[in-house]
Amino acid sequence: MLNCRQASELMSQGMDGKLSLKDRWALKVHLMMCRGCASFMHQIRFLRKAGNRWQQHSPSNPTRLSNEAKKRINDALEDFKNGRRLHNDDKGTSS
């Protein structure tokens, strides 16, 4: 049985590529039992669709992130994966 952290990791991986049959079933079972993760899955699907629609309607003016912004995002995701949380007053540094 997956815990919520593992389920969220599989949700993210599933958005980026195809999951194995075992992972898809494990995630499906977890989502049937966990309302919080099911809600999270709906939210990330909505955000992905909204982002795709926004991008389709403004192709002449693509938004680009700076390398610094990309690094901060990647660092924050890595911190989250490793169990470290960010605090609002840290201004982008992990605790």
Protein backbone atom coordinates (compact mmCIF):
# COMPACT_ATOMS: atom_id res chain seq x y z
CA MET A 1 0.00 0.00 0.00
CA LEU A 2 1.30 3.43 -0.96
CA ASN A 3 1.57 6.28 1.49
CA CYS A 4 0.55 9.79 0.41
CA ARG A 5 4.11 10.89 -0.39
CA GLN A 6 4.61 7.88 -2.68
CA ALA A 7 1.23 8.49 -4.30
CA SER A 8 2.03 12.14 -5.01
CA GLU A 9 5.37 11.09 -6.54
CA LEU A 10 3.56 8.62 -8.82
CA MET A 11 1.01 11.29 -9.76
CA SER A 12 3.83 13.58 -10.80
CA GLN A 13 5.61 10.84 -12.73
CA GLY A 14 2.33 9.90 -14.40
CA MET A 15 1.91 13.47 -15.64
CA ASP A 16 5.37 13.35 -17.20
CA GLY A 17 5.24 9.85 -18.66
CA LYS A 18 3.67 6.44 -18.49
CA LEU A 19 3.57 4.48 -15.23
CA SER A 20 4.04 0.73 -15.02
CA LEU A 21 0.92 -1.39 -14.61
CA LYS A 22 1.89 -2.12 -11.00
CA ASP A 23 2.32 1.59 -10.21
CA ARG A 24 -0.95 2.54 -11.95
CA TRP A 25 -2.88 -0.04 -9.91
CA ALA A 26 -1.20 0.94 -6.65
CA LEU A 27 -2.02 4.59 -7.32
CA LYS A 28 -5.60 3.79 -8.31
CA VAL A 29 -6.16 1.84 -5.09
CA HIS A 30 -4.63 4.63 -3.00
CA LEU A 31 -6.79 7.26 -4.72
CA MET A 32 -9.94 5.23 -4.01
CA MET A 33 -9.06 5.20 -0.31
CA CYS A 34 -7.56 8.67 0.20
CA ARG A 35 -9.75 11.72 -0.39
CA GLY A 36 -6.84 14.12 0.06
CA CYS A 37 -4.76 12.53 -2.67
CA ALA A 38 -7.79 12.16 -4.95
CA SER A 39 -8.42 15.89 -4.53
CA PHE A 40 -4.75 16.63 -5.20
CA MET A 41 -4.90 14.54 -8.39
CA HIS A 42 -7.92 16.52 -9.61
CA GLN A 43 -6.12 19.78 -8.83
CA ILE A 44 -2.94 18.91 -10.72
CA ARG A 45 -4.97 17.68 -13.69
CA PHE A 46 -6.90 20.95 -13.70
CA LEU A 47 -3.70 23.01 -13.49
CA ARG A 48 -2.10 21.03 -16.30
CA LYS A 49 -5.15 21.53 -18.55
CA ALA A 50 -5.33 25.23 -17.67
CA GLY A 51 -1.63 25.67 -18.42
CA ASN A 52 -1.96 23.90 -21.75
CA ARG A 53 -4.97 26.01 -22.73
CA TRP A 54 -3.22 29.22 -21.71
CA GLN A 55 -0.17 28.26 -23.74
CA GLN A 56 -2.31 27.47 -26.80
CA HIS A 57 -3.96 30.89 -26.66
CA SER A 58 -0.75 32.88 -26.29
CA PRO A 59 1.88 31.20 -28.49
CA SER A 60 3.25 34.49 -29.83
CA ASN A 61 4.37 35.59 -26.36
CA PRO A 62 5.82 32.53 -24.61
CA THR A 63 6.66 32.94 -20.95
CA ARG A 64 10.13 31.77 -20.01
CA LEU A 65 11.54 31.22 -16.56
CA SER A 66 14.99 32.51 -15.76
CA ASN A 67 17.65 29.93 -14.96
CA GLU A 68 17.62 31.23 -11.36
CA ALA A 69 13.86 30.63 -11.08
CA LYS A 70 14.23 27.13 -12.53
CA LYS A 71 16.97 26.38 -10.00
CA ARG A 72 14.84 27.61 -7.08
CA ILE A 73 11.92 25.44 -8.23
CA ASN A 74 14.13 22.38 -8.67
CA ASP A 75 15.75 22.96 -5.26
CA ALA A 76 12.33 23.30 -3.60
CA LEU A 77 11.08 20.09 -5.24
CA GLU A 78 14.23 18.26 -4.16
CA ASP A 79 13.80 19.55 -0.60
CA PHE A 80 10.18 18.38 -0.60
CA LYS A 81 11.18 14.93 -1.87
CA ASN A 82 13.75 14.70 0.93
CA GLY A 83 11.21 15.66 3.60
CA ARG A 84 12.35 19.24 4.14
CA ARG A 85 9.67 21.91 4.12
CA LEU A 86 9.83 25.52 3.03
CA HIS A 87 8.58 28.31 5.26
CA ASN A 88 7.13 31.55 3.92
CA ASP A 89 9.57 33.61 5.93
CA ASP A 90 12.58 31.71 4.53
CA LYS A 91 12.25 33.40 1.13
CA GLY A 92 13.15 30.28 -0.83
CA THR A 93 15.55 28.58 1.54
CA SER A 94 14.80 25.26 3.14
CA SER A 95 14.64 24.73 6.86
